[in-house]
């Protein structure tokens, strides 16, 4: 199966449909009036769909087991056609499109099985997804111009040439995958005044200024102390999201002092110095965090 461990959980909604077409009005009348010998077709089919949707991963090899937190089945009868509308919701890392289509198809097959003794010419058609919400497709941020970022690696040892940078390069790679241009990349020592100077200078020309390193608890870890006095607005939600995401994957993430805030219309982030820590921090908040650039321009959430 596809690795989804890096994804965040969001509300996922999918609606699928299927059509059962019978050959005569008598069949429709039997369904509506509950006269089918095998029982109540609409209720039995609905029940079968509810069982099926919760077990989709047992039938479709690449489907992930996931919690089904809401299911609704509706019917619309038009002439000789019974239209099945199957809606599924969950809060999870991956969508429920296949679950919705699986549910709709099982509802249709159950109808077929129950109706075949009284109608030999039933057809099932148009099993398809009609709507999905959640995931990347629902949270796309479009910008008229390319977002630019300055990336700084805060590390005495890397600055001295004793170690090779990996975390800064990871940030650059991640930003590139989100369509963000890294206009500046630099390795600097763990010096409070240098961190402040770089932040003020590069916030003028970049929408993003990201630091990696210096967020731990050693005496030379001063990135938070450097940034806190100059940030105009802290964004605790970003900091909480980073730590929460990391703590689910690494028990030491709670010891990181990641920081997020704004300076003018620039978002400033201080992320861990480890490669895994910075990768997980980026996965925790990107690309959704870039929504902040719309808000900083005065737009509200509903207008986007």
C-alpha atoms as a PDB file:
ATOM      1  CA  UNK A   1       0.000   0.000   0.000  1.00  0.00           C
ATOM      2  CA  UNK A   2       1.004   3.607  -0.459  1.00  0.00           C
ATOM      3  CA  UNK A   3       2.811   5.112   2.537  1.00  0.00           C
ATOM      4  CA  UNK A   4       0.513   7.698   4.156  1.00  0.00           C
ATOM      5  CA  UNK A   5       2.312   8.002   7.494  1.00  0.00           C
ATOM      6  CA  UNK A   6       3.519  11.518   6.609  1.00  0.00           C
ATOM      7  CA  UNK A   7       0.029  12.846   5.891  1.00  0.00           C
ATOM      8  CA  UNK A   8      -2.152  14.781   8.306  1.00  0.00           C
ATOM      9  CA  UNK A   9      -5.749  13.849   9.108  1.00  0.00           C
ATOM     10  CA  UNK A  10      -8.465  16.075   7.676  1.00  0.00           C
ATOM     11  CA  UNK A  11     -12.196  15.748   7.150  1.00  0.00           C
ATOM     12  CA  UNK A  12     -12.752  13.528   4.111  1.00  0.00           C
ATOM     13  CA  UNK A  13     -16.104  13.284   2.353  1.00  0.00           C
ATOM     14  CA  UNK A  14     -17.040  11.307  -0.746  1.00  0.00           C
ATOM     15  CA  UNK A  15     -20.348  10.718  -2.500  1.00  0.00           C
ATOM     16  CA  UNK A  16     -20.854   7.975  -5.081  1.00  0.00           C
ATOM     17  CA  UNK A  17     -23.796   6.822  -7.106  1.00  0.00           C
ATOM     18  CA  UNK A  18     -25.038   3.695  -8.838  1.00  0.00           C
ATOM     19  CA  UNK A  19     -28.147   2.999 -10.898  1.00  0.00           C
ATOM     20  CA  UNK A  20     -30.283  -0.134 -10.818  1.00  0.00           C
ATOM     21  CA  UNK A  21     -32.569  -0.344 -13.848  1.00  0.00           C
ATOM     22  CA  UNK A  22     -35.451  -2.804 -13.841  1.00  0.00           C
ATOM     23  CA  UNK A  23     -37.443  -3.925 -16.881  1.00  0.00           C
ATOM     24  CA  UNK A  24     -41.020  -3.321 -15.775  1.00  0.00           C
ATOM     25  CA  UNK A  25     -43.122  -1.037 -13.597  1.00  0.00           C
ATOM     26  CA  UNK A  26     -44.342  -4.009 -11.567  1.00  0.00           C
ATOM     27  CA  UNK A  27     -40.838  -4.401 -10.130  1.00  0.00           C
ATOM     28  CA  UNK A  28     -40.731  -0.779  -9.019  1.00  0.00           C
ATOM     29  CA  UNK A  29     -44.175  -1.124  -7.470  1.00  0.00           C
ATOM     30  CA  UNK A  30     -43.058  -4.213  -5.542  1.00  0.00           C
ATOM     31  CA  UNK A  31     -40.021  -2.346  -4.195  1.00  0.00           C
ATOM     32  CA  UNK A  32     -41.990   0.742  -3.180  1.00  0.00           C
ATOM     33  CA  UNK A  33     -44.820  -1.247  -1.579  1.00  0.00           C
ATOM     34  CA  UNK A  34     -42.500  -3.757   0.116  1.00  0.00           C
ATOM     35  CA  UNK A  35     -43.948  -6.738  -1.745  1.00  0.00           C
ATOM     36  CA  UNK A  36     -40.724  -8.396  -2.874  1.00  0.00           C
ATOM     37  CA  UNK A  37     -40.657 -12.039  -1.628  1.00  0.00           C
ATOM     38  CA  UNK A  38     -37.106 -11.768  -0.280  1.00  0.00           C
ATOM     39  CA  UNK A  39     -37.974  -8.824   1.947  1.00  0.00           C
ATOM     40  CA  UNK A  40     -37.632  -5.044   2.147  1.00  0.00           C
ATOM     41  CA  UNK A  41     -35.260  -4.311  -0.725  1.00  0.00           C
ATOM     42  CA  UNK A  42     -34.367  -0.743   0.161  1.00  0.00           C
ATOM     43  CA  UNK A  43     -33.590  -1.469   3.815  1.00  0.00           C
ATOM     44  CA  UNK A  44     -31.762  -4.735   3.144  1.00  0.00           C
ATOM     45  CA  UNK A  45     -29.636  -3.104   0.433  1.00  0.00           C
ATOM     46  CA  UNK A  46     -28.846  -0.173   2.718  1.00  0.00           C
ATOM     47  CA  UNK A  47     -27.755  -2.538   5.489  1.00  0.00           C
ATOM     48  CA  UNK A  48     -25.527  -4.450   3.084  1.00  0.00           C
ATOM     49  CA  UNK A  49     -23.937  -1.174   1.992  1.00  0.00           C
ATOM     50  CA  UNK A  50     -23.226  -0.174   5.584  1.00  0.00           C
ATOM     51  CA  UNK A  51     -21.470  -3.470   6.232  1.00  0.00           C
ATOM     52  CA  UNK A  52     -19.548  -3.257   2.967  1.00  0.00           C
ATOM     53  CA  UNK A  53     -18.201   0.264   3.364  1.00  0.00           C
ATOM     54  CA  UNK A  54     -16.586  -0.610   6.695  1.00  0.00           C
ATOM     55  CA  UNK A  55     -14.796  -3.556   5.113  1.00  0.00           C
ATOM     56  CA  UNK A  56     -13.637  -2.077   1.818  1.00  0.00           C
ATOM     57  CA  UNK A  57      -9.991  -2.747   2.667  1.00  0.00           C
ATOM     58  CA  UNK A  58     -10.756  -6.469   2.838  1.00  0.00           C
ATOM     59  CA  UNK A  59     -11.887  -6.480  -0.792  1.00  0.00           C
ATOM     60  CA  UNK A  60      -9.624  -3.882  -2.429  1.00  0.00           C
ATOM     61  CA  UNK A  61      -5.951  -4.756  -1.752  1.00  0.00           C
ATOM     62  CA  UNK A  62      -4.481  -1.246  -1.811  1.00  0.00           C
ATOM     63  CA  UNK A  63      -7.186   0.382   0.312  1.00  0.00           C
ATOM     64  CA  UNK A  64      -6.087   1.373   3.811  1.00  0.00           C
ATOM     65  CA  UNK A  65      -8.145   0.294   6.813  1.00  0.00           C
ATOM     66  CA  UNK A  66      -9.748   3.495   8.077  1.00  0.00           C
ATOM     67  CA  UNK A  67     -12.484   4.589  10.476  1.00  0.00           C
ATOM     68  CA  UNK A  68     -15.836   5.140   8.781  1.00  0.00           C
ATOM     69  CA  UNK A  69     -17.466   7.845  10.901  1.00  0.00           C
ATOM     70  CA  UNK A  70     -20.593   8.599   8.874  1.00  0.00           C
ATOM     71  CA  UNK A  71     -22.519   6.855   6.111  1.00  0.00           C
ATOM     72  CA  UNK A  72     -25.787   7.842   4.446  1.00  0.00           C
ATOM     73  CA  UNK A  73     -27.723   6.005   1.750  1.00  0.00           C
ATOM     74  CA  UNK A  74     -30.465   7.716  -0.241  1.00  0.00           C
ATOM     75  CA  UNK A  75     -32.661   6.516  -3.092  1.00  0.00           C
ATOM     76  CA  UNK A  76     -34.266   8.396  -5.951  1.00  0.00           C
ATOM     77  CA  UNK A  77     -36.690   6.499  -8.178  1.00  0.00           C
ATOM     78  CA  UNK A  78     -37.058   7.834 -11.714  1.00  0.00           C
ATOM     79  CA  UNK A  79     -39.180   5.710 -14.019  1.00  0.00           C
ATOM     80  CA  UNK A  80     -37.650   2.242 -14.078  1.00  0.00           C
ATOM     81  CA  UNK A  81     -34.402   3.389 -12.470  1.00  0.00           C
ATOM     82  CA  UNK A  82     -33.445   3.356  -8.808  1.00  0.00           C
ATOM     83  CA  UNK A  83     -30.648   5.866  -8.214  1.00  0.00           C
ATOM     84  CA  UNK A  84     -28.439   5.089  -5.211  1.00  0.00           C
ATOM     85  CA  UNK A  85     -26.608   7.979  -3.521  1.00  0.00           C
ATOM     86  CA  UNK A  86     -23.975   6.786  -1.077  1.00  0.00           C
ATOM     87  CA  UNK A  87     -22.144   9.316   1.138  1.00  0.00           C
ATOM     88  CA  UNK A  88     -19.201   8.579   3.440  1.00  0.00           C
ATOM     89  CA  UNK A  89     -17.279  10.745   5.928  1.00  0.00           C
ATOM     90  CA  UNK A  90     -14.164  10.254   8.001  1.00  0.00           C
ATOM     91  CA  UNK A  91     -11.375  12.254   9.614  1.00  0.00           C
ATOM     92  CA  UNK A  92      -8.257  10.533   8.364  1.00  0.00           C
ATOM     93  CA  UNK A  93      -5.107  10.762   6.259  1.00  0.00           C
ATOM     94  CA  UNK A  94      -6.598   9.431   3.035  1.00  0.00           C
ATOM     95  CA  UNK A  95      -9.874   9.815   1.189  1.00  0.00           C
ATOM     96  CA  UNK A  96     -12.990   7.634   1.115  1.00  0.00           C
ATOM     97  CA  UNK A  97     -13.778   7.693  -2.608  1.00  0.00           C
ATOM     98  CA  UNK A  98     -13.318   3.951  -3.096  1.00  0.00           C
ATOM     99  CA  UNK A  99     -15.296   3.246   0.073  1.00  0.00           C
ATOM    100  CA  UNK A 100     -18.219   5.282  -1.256  1.00  0.00           C
ATOM    101  CA  UNK A 101     -18.155   3.548  -4.646  1.00  0.00           C
ATOM    102  CA  UNK A 102     -17.794   0.147  -2.982  1.00  0.00           C
ATOM    103  CA  UNK A 103     -20.793   0.873  -0.788  1.00  0.00           C
ATOM    104  CA  UNK A 104     -22.893   2.026  -3.746  1.00  0.00           C
ATOM    105  CA  UNK A 105     -21.980  -1.056  -5.768  1.00  0.00           C
ATOM    106  CA  UNK A 106     -22.885  -3.449  -2.924  1.00  0.00           C
ATOM    107  CA  UNK A 107     -26.223  -1.711  -2.460  1.00  0.00           C
ATOM    108  CA  UNK A 108     -26.865  -2.202  -6.189  1.00  0.00           C
ATOM    109  CA  UNK A 109     -25.784  -5.857  -6.135  1.00  0.00           C
ATOM    110  CA  UNK A 110     -27.995  -6.550  -3.137  1.00  0.00           C
ATOM    111  CA  UNK A 111     -30.952  -5.086  -5.008  1.00  0.00           C
ATOM    112  CA  UNK A 112     -30.113  -7.236  -8.006  1.00  0.00           C
ATOM    113  CA  UNK A 113     -29.984 -10.370  -5.849  1.00  0.00           C
ATOM    114  CA  UNK A 114     -33.301  -9.620  -4.177  1.00  0.00           C
ATOM    115  CA  UNK A 115     -35.116  -8.642  -7.354  1.00  0.00           C
ATOM    116  CA  UNK A 116     -33.879 -11.309  -9.782  1.00  0.00           C
ATOM    117  CA  UNK A 117     -36.666 -13.791  -8.864  1.00  0.00           C
ATOM    118  CA  UNK A 118     -39.264 -11.322 -10.117  1.00  0.00           C
ATOM    119  CA  UNK A 119     -37.304  -9.538 -12.863  1.00  0.00           C
ATOM    120  CA  UNK A 120     -34.784 -11.287 -15.134  1.00  0.00           C
ATOM    121  CA  UNK A 121     -33.589  -8.178 -16.993  1.00  0.00           C
ATOM    122  CA  UNK A 122     -32.126  -5.945 -14.273  1.00  0.00           C
ATOM    123  CA  UNK A 123     -29.111  -3.811 -15.143  1.00  0.00           C
ATOM    124  CA  UNK A 124     -26.564  -2.090 -12.909  1.00  0.00           C
ATOM    125  CA  UNK A 125     -24.841   0.975 -14.356  1.00  0.00           C
ATOM    126  CA  UNK A 126     -23.117   4.289 -13.671  1.00  0.00           C
ATOM    127  CA  UNK A 127     -21.172   3.364 -10.569  1.00  0.00           C
ATOM    128  CA  UNK A 128     -19.141   6.534 -10.175  1.00  0.00           C
ATOM    129  CA  UNK A 129     -17.830   9.171  -7.830  1.00  0.00           C
ATOM    130  CA  UNK A 130     -19.838  12.381  -7.982  1.00  0.00           C
ATOM    131  CA  UNK A 131     -18.142  14.446  -5.284  1.00  0.00           C
ATOM    132  CA  UNK A 132     -15.136  14.430  -2.935  1.00  0.00           C
ATOM    133  CA  UNK A 133     -13.896  16.850  -0.312  1.00  0.00           C
ATOM    134  CA  UNK A 134     -10.811  17.009   1.857  1.00  0.00           C
ATOM    135  CA  UNK A 135      -7.143  16.418   1.149  1.00  0.00           C
ATOM    136  CA  UNK A 136      -4.973  18.512  -1.153  1.00  0.00           C
ATOM    137  CA  UNK A 137      -7.683  19.178  -3.732  1.00  0.00           C
ATOM    138  CA  UNK A 138      -9.804  21.046  -1.182  1.00  0.00           C
ATOM    139  CA  UNK A 139      -7.012  23.201   0.232  1.00  0.00           C
ATOM    140  CA  UNK A 140      -5.198  24.571  -2.781  1.00  0.00           C
ATOM    141  CA  UNK A 141      -3.605  27.984  -2.418  1.00  0.00           C
ATOM    142  CA  UNK A 142      -3.087  29.927  -5.614  1.00  0.00           C
ATOM    143  CA  UNK A 143      -0.846  32.969  -5.744  1.00  0.00           C
ATOM    144  CA  UNK A 144      -0.376  35.509  -8.559  1.00  0.00           C
ATOM    145  CA  UNK A 145       3.388  35.489  -8.005  1.00  0.00           C
ATOM    146  CA  UNK A 146       5.905  32.897  -6.900  1.00  0.00           C
ATOM    147  CA  UNK A 147       6.384  32.683  -3.125  1.00  0.00           C
ATOM    148  CA  UNK A 148      10.040  33.310  -2.220  1.00  0.00           C
ATOM    149  CA  UNK A 149      11.855  31.942   0.803  1.00  0.00           C
ATOM    150  CA  UNK A 150      15.172  32.461   2.580  1.00  0.00           C
ATOM    151  CA  UNK A 151      16.551  29.406   4.366  1.00  0.00           C
ATOM    152  CA  UNK A 152      19.131  29.585   7.157  1.00  0.00           C
ATOM    153  CA  UNK A 153      20.943  26.733   8.864  1.00  0.00           C
ATOM    154  CA  UNK A 154      21.872  27.681  12.437  1.00  0.00           C
ATOM    155  CA  UNK A 155      24.787  25.500  13.492  1.00  0.00           C
ATOM    156  CA  UNK A 156      28.234  26.279  14.858  1.00  0.00           C
ATOM    157  CA  UNK A 157      29.636  22.917  13.708  1.00  0.00           C
ATOM    158  CA  UNK A 158      28.263  23.136  10.169  1.00  0.00           C
ATOM    159  CA  UNK A 159      29.365  26.765   9.906  1.00  0.00           C
ATOM    160  CA  UNK A 160      32.867  25.680  10.924  1.00  0.00           C
ATOM    161  CA  UNK A 161      32.853  22.948   8.281  1.00  0.00           C
ATOM    162  CA  UNK A 162      32.923  20.068  10.763  1.00  0.00           C
ATOM    163  CA  UNK A 163      29.588  18.672   9.562  1.00  0.00           C
ATOM    164  CA  UNK A 164      27.568  18.687   6.357  1.00  0.00           C
ATOM    165  CA  UNK A 165      24.161  20.333   6.209  1.00  0.00           C
ATOM    166  CA  UNK A 166      21.213  18.077   5.496  1.00  0.00           C
ATOM    167  CA  UNK A 167      18.278  19.753   7.197  1.00  0.00           C
ATOM    168  CA  UNK A 168      18.578  23.004   5.232  1.00  0.00           C
ATOM    169  CA  UNK A 169      18.760  21.115   1.960  1.00  0.00           C
ATOM    170  CA  UNK A 170      15.701  19.121   3.002  1.00  0.00           C
ATOM    171  CA  UNK A 171      13.786  22.373   3.492  1.00  0.00           C
ATOM    172  CA  UNK A 172      14.840  23.608   0.066  1.00  0.00           C
ATOM    173  CA  UNK A 173      13.695  20.349  -1.545  1.00  0.00           C
ATOM    174  CA  UNK A 174      10.375  20.458   0.275  1.00  0.00           C
ATOM    175  CA  UNK A 175       9.774  24.097  -0.674  1.00  0.00           C
ATOM    176  CA  UNK A 176      10.506  23.318  -4.288  1.00  0.00           C
ATOM    177  CA  UNK A 177       7.877  20.544  -4.242  1.00  0.00           C
ATOM    178  CA  UNK A 178       5.323  23.123  -3.029  1.00  0.00           C
ATOM    179  CA  UNK A 179       6.222  25.586  -5.773  1.00  0.00           C
ATOM    180  CA  UNK A 180       8.162  27.915  -3.446  1.00  0.00           C
ATOM    181  CA  UNK A 181      11.380  29.442  -4.766  1.00  0.00           C
ATOM    182  CA  UNK A 182      14.362  29.478  -2.396  1.00  0.00           C
ATOM    183  CA  UNK A 183      15.967  32.833  -3.131  1.00  0.00           C
ATOM    184  CA  UNK A 184      18.648  32.517  -0.458  1.00  0.00           C
ATOM    185  CA  UNK A 185      20.298  29.635   1.410  1.00  0.00           C
ATOM    186  CA  UNK A 186      22.966  30.229   4.033  1.00  0.00           C
ATOM    187  CA  UNK A 187      24.714  28.544   6.937  1.00  0.00           C
ATOM    188  CA  UNK A 188      25.216  30.778   9.964  1.00  0.00           C
ATOM    189  CA  UNK A 189      26.589  30.269  13.507  1.00  0.00           C
ATOM    190  CA  UNK A 190      24.363  30.065  16.573  1.00  0.00           C
ATOM    191  CA  UNK A 191      24.642  33.777  17.329  1.00  0.00           C
ATOM    192  CA  UNK A 192      21.579  35.700  18.536  1.00  0.00           C
ATOM    193  CA  UNK A 193      22.463  38.989  16.832  1.00  0.00           C
ATOM    194  CA  UNK A 194      23.223  37.326  13.480  1.00  0.00           C
ATOM    195  CA  UNK A 195      19.892  35.473  13.524  1.00  0.00           C
ATOM    196  CA  UNK A 196      18.058  38.725  14.208  1.00  0.00           C
ATOM    197  CA  UNK A 197      19.943  40.618  11.506  1.00  0.00           C
ATOM    198  CA  UNK A 198      19.267  37.945   8.891  1.00  0.00           C
ATOM    199  CA  UNK A 199      15.578  37.818   9.785  1.00  0.00           C
ATOM    200  CA  UNK A 200      15.092  41.586   9.498  1.00  0.00           C
ATOM    201  CA  UNK A 201      17.071  41.853   6.267  1.00  0.00           C
ATOM    202  CA  UNK A 202      15.516  38.945   4.374  1.00  0.00           C
ATOM    203  CA  UNK A 203      11.956  39.494   5.577  1.00  0.00           C
ATOM    204  CA  UNK A 204      11.916  42.579   3.355  1.00  0.00           C
ATOM    205  CA  UNK A 205      12.242  40.581   0.124  1.00  0.00           C
ATOM    206  CA  UNK A 206      10.851  37.150   1.016  1.00  0.00           C
ATOM    207  CA  UNK A 207       7.456  35.921   2.151  1.00  0.00           C
ATOM    208  CA  UNK A 208       9.099  33.070   4.058  1.00  0.00           C
ATOM    209  CA  UNK A 209      12.157  33.058   6.307  1.00  0.00           C
ATOM    210  CA  UNK A 210      12.924  29.606   7.693  1.00  0.00           C
ATOM    211  CA  UNK A 211      15.597  28.654  10.216  1.00  0.00           C
ATOM    212  CA  UNK A 212      16.637  25.108  10.989  1.00  0.00           C
ATOM    213  CA  UNK A 213      18.618  24.374  14.133  1.00  0.00           C
ATOM    214  CA  UNK A 214      19.099  26.084  17.460  1.00  0.00           C
ATOM    215  CA  UNK A 215      15.679  25.089  18.807  1.00  0.00           C
ATOM    216  CA  UNK A 216      16.923  22.559  21.356  1.00  0.00           C
ATOM    217  CA  UNK A 217      17.968  22.998  24.969  1.00  0.00           C
ATOM    218  CA  UNK A 218      21.755  23.280  24.789  1.00  0.00           C
ATOM    219  CA  UNK A 219      23.408  26.582  25.834  1.00  0.00           C
ATOM    220  CA  UNK A 220      24.114  27.487  22.193  1.00  0.00           C
ATOM    221  CA  UNK A 221      20.515  26.887  21.027  1.00  0.00           C
ATOM    222  CA  UNK A 222      19.358  30.491  20.837  1.00  0.00           C
ATOM    223  CA  UNK A 223      17.123  30.653  17.753  1.00  0.00           C
ATOM    224  CA  UNK A 224      13.864  31.086  19.736  1.00  0.00           C
ATOM    225  CA  UNK A 225      15.466  33.723  21.983  1.00  0.00           C
ATOM    226  CA  UNK A 226      16.626  35.610  18.892  1.00  0.00           C
ATOM    227  CA  UNK A 227      13.260  35.558  17.134  1.00  0.00           C
ATOM    228  CA  UNK A 228      10.802  36.113  19.963  1.00  0.00           C
ATOM    229  CA  UNK A 229      11.628  39.817  20.526  1.00  0.00           C
ATOM    230  CA  UNK A 230      11.394  40.772  16.856  1.00  0.00           C
ATOM    231  CA  UNK A 231       8.311  38.842  15.752  1.00  0.00           C
ATOM    232  CA  UNK A 232       5.240  41.029  15.564  1.00  0.00           C
ATOM    233  CA  UNK A 233       2.723  38.222  15.957  1.00  0.00           C
ATOM    234  CA  UNK A 234       3.284  34.697  17.247  1.00  0.00           C
ATOM    235  CA  UNK A 235       1.223  31.917  15.654  1.00  0.00           C
ATOM    236  CA  UNK A 236       0.861  29.275  18.385  1.00  0.00           C
ATOM    237  CA  UNK A 237      -1.286  27.061  16.153  1.00  0.00           C
ATOM    238  CA  UNK A 238       1.619  26.386  13.804  1.00  0.00           C
ATOM    239  CA  UNK A 239       3.929  25.596  16.705  1.00  0.00           C
ATOM    240  CA  UNK A 240       1.347  23.256  18.242  1.00  0.00           C
ATOM    241  CA  UNK A 241       0.728  21.493  14.926  1.00  0.00           C
ATOM    242  CA  UNK A 242       4.455  20.880  14.445  1.00  0.00           C
ATOM    243  CA  UNK A 243       4.978  19.490  17.928  1.00  0.00           C
ATOM    244  CA  UNK A 244       1.806  17.398  17.887  1.00  0.00           C
ATOM    245  CA  UNK A 245       2.698  15.851  14.540  1.00  0.00           C
ATOM    246  CA  UNK A 246       6.249  15.160  15.664  1.00  0.00           C
ATOM    247  CA  UNK A 247       5.247  13.707  19.015  1.00  0.00           C
ATOM    248  CA  UNK A 248       3.119  11.093  17.263  1.00  0.00           C
ATOM    249  CA  UNK A 249       6.230   9.897  15.454  1.00  0.00           C
ATOM    250  CA  UNK A 250       9.097  10.610  17.868  1.00  0.00           C
ATOM    251  CA  UNK A 251       8.738  10.781  21.680  1.00  0.00           C
ATOM    252  CA  UNK A 252      11.449  13.445  21.958  1.00  0.00           C
ATOM    253  CA  UNK A 253       9.635  15.972  19.733  1.00  0.00           C
ATOM    254  CA  UNK A 254       8.163  17.653  22.815  1.00  0.00           C
ATOM    255  CA  UNK A 255      11.650  18.920  23.669  1.00  0.00           C
ATOM    256  CA  UNK A 256      11.880  21.014  20.510  1.00  0.00           C
ATOM    257  CA  UNK A 257      11.240  24.756  20.805  1.00  0.00           C
ATOM    258  CA  UNK A 258       9.978  25.407  17.293  1.00  0.00           C
ATOM    259  CA  UNK A 259       8.607  28.891  16.831  1.00  0.00           C
ATOM    260  CA  UNK A 260       6.377  30.586  14.274  1.00  0.00           C
ATOM    261  CA  UNK A 261       5.298  34.162  13.762  1.00  0.00           C
ATOM    262  CA  UNK A 262       5.151  37.104  11.416  1.00  0.00           C
ATOM    263  CA  UNK A 263       7.382  40.051  10.706  1.00  0.00           C
ATOM    264  CA  UNK A 264       5.498  42.424   8.477  1.00  0.00           C
ATOM    265  CA  UNK A 265       3.903  40.244   5.804  1.00  0.00           C
ATOM    266  CA  UNK A 266       6.566  37.568   6.145  1.00  0.00           C
ATOM    267  CA  UNK A 267       6.104  34.231   7.881  1.00  0.00           C
ATOM    268  CA  UNK A 268       9.097  33.294  10.035  1.00  0.00           C
ATOM    269  CA  UNK A 269       9.633  29.689  11.126  1.00  0.00           C
ATOM    270  CA  UNK A 270      12.259  28.129  13.361  1.00  0.00           C
ATOM    271  CA  UNK A 271      12.371  24.366  12.900  1.00  0.00           C
ATOM    272  CA  UNK A 272      14.440  21.554  14.471  1.00  0.00           C
ATOM    273  CA  UNK A 273      17.977  20.934  13.288  1.00  0.00           C
ATOM    274  CA  UNK A 274      17.718  17.184  12.704  1.00  0.00           C
ATOM    275  CA  UNK A 275      16.903  15.976   9.217  1.00  0.00           C
ATOM    276  CA  UNK A 276      13.945  13.891  10.336  1.00  0.00           C
ATOM    277  CA  UNK A 277      12.731  16.632  12.639  1.00  0.00           C
ATOM    278  CA  UNK A 278      12.722  19.262   9.918  1.00  0.00           C
ATOM    279  CA  UNK A 279      11.144  16.904   7.388  1.00  0.00           C
ATOM    280  CA  UNK A 280       8.334  16.051   9.779  1.00  0.00           C
ATOM    281  CA  UNK A 281       7.856  19.707  10.683  1.00  0.00           C
ATOM    282  CA  UNK A 282       7.457  20.608   7.019  1.00  0.00           C
ATOM    283  CA  UNK A 283       5.035  17.726   6.462  1.00  0.00           C
ATOM    284  CA  UNK A 284       3.022  18.852   9.496  1.00  0.00           C
ATOM    285  CA  UNK A 285       2.163  22.318   8.186  1.00  0.00           C
ATOM    286  CA  UNK A 286       2.940  22.552   4.475  1.00  0.00           C
ATOM    287  CA  UNK A 287       1.419  23.362   2.068  1.00  0.00           C
ATOM    288  CA  UNK A 288      -1.580  24.450   4.165  1.00  0.00           C
ATOM    289  CA  UNK A 289       0.423  26.993   6.160  1.00  0.00           C
ATOM    290  CA  UNK A 290       0.849  29.091   3.002  1.00  0.00           C
ATOM    291  CA  UNK A 291      -2.782  30.116   3.396  1.00  0.00           C
ATOM    292  CA  UNK A 292      -1.332  32.694   5.791  1.00  0.00           C
ATOM    293  CA  UNK A 293      -0.161  34.792   2.845  1.00  0.00           C
ATOM    294  CA  UNK A 294      -3.771  35.361   1.773  1.00  0.00           C
ATOM    295  CA  UNK A 295      -4.707  36.354   5.332  1.00  0.00           C
ATOM    296  CA  UNK A 296      -1.761  38.741   5.620  1.00  0.00           C
ATOM    297  CA  UNK A 297      -3.078  40.522   2.518  1.00  0.00           C
ATOM    298  CA  UNK A 298      -6.384  41.177   4.276  1.00  0.00           C
ATOM    299  CA  UNK A 299      -8.488  38.381   2.790  1.00  0.00           C
ATOM    300  CA  UNK A 300     -10.722  36.289   5.026  1.00  0.00           C
ATOM    301  CA  UNK A 301     -11.089  32.514   4.949  1.00  0.00           C
ATOM    302  CA  UNK A 302     -14.535  32.539   3.347  1.00  0.00           C
ATOM    303  CA  UNK A 303     -13.447  34.648   0.352  1.00  0.00           C
ATOM    304  CA  UNK A 304     -10.774  32.167  -0.784  1.00  0.00           C
END
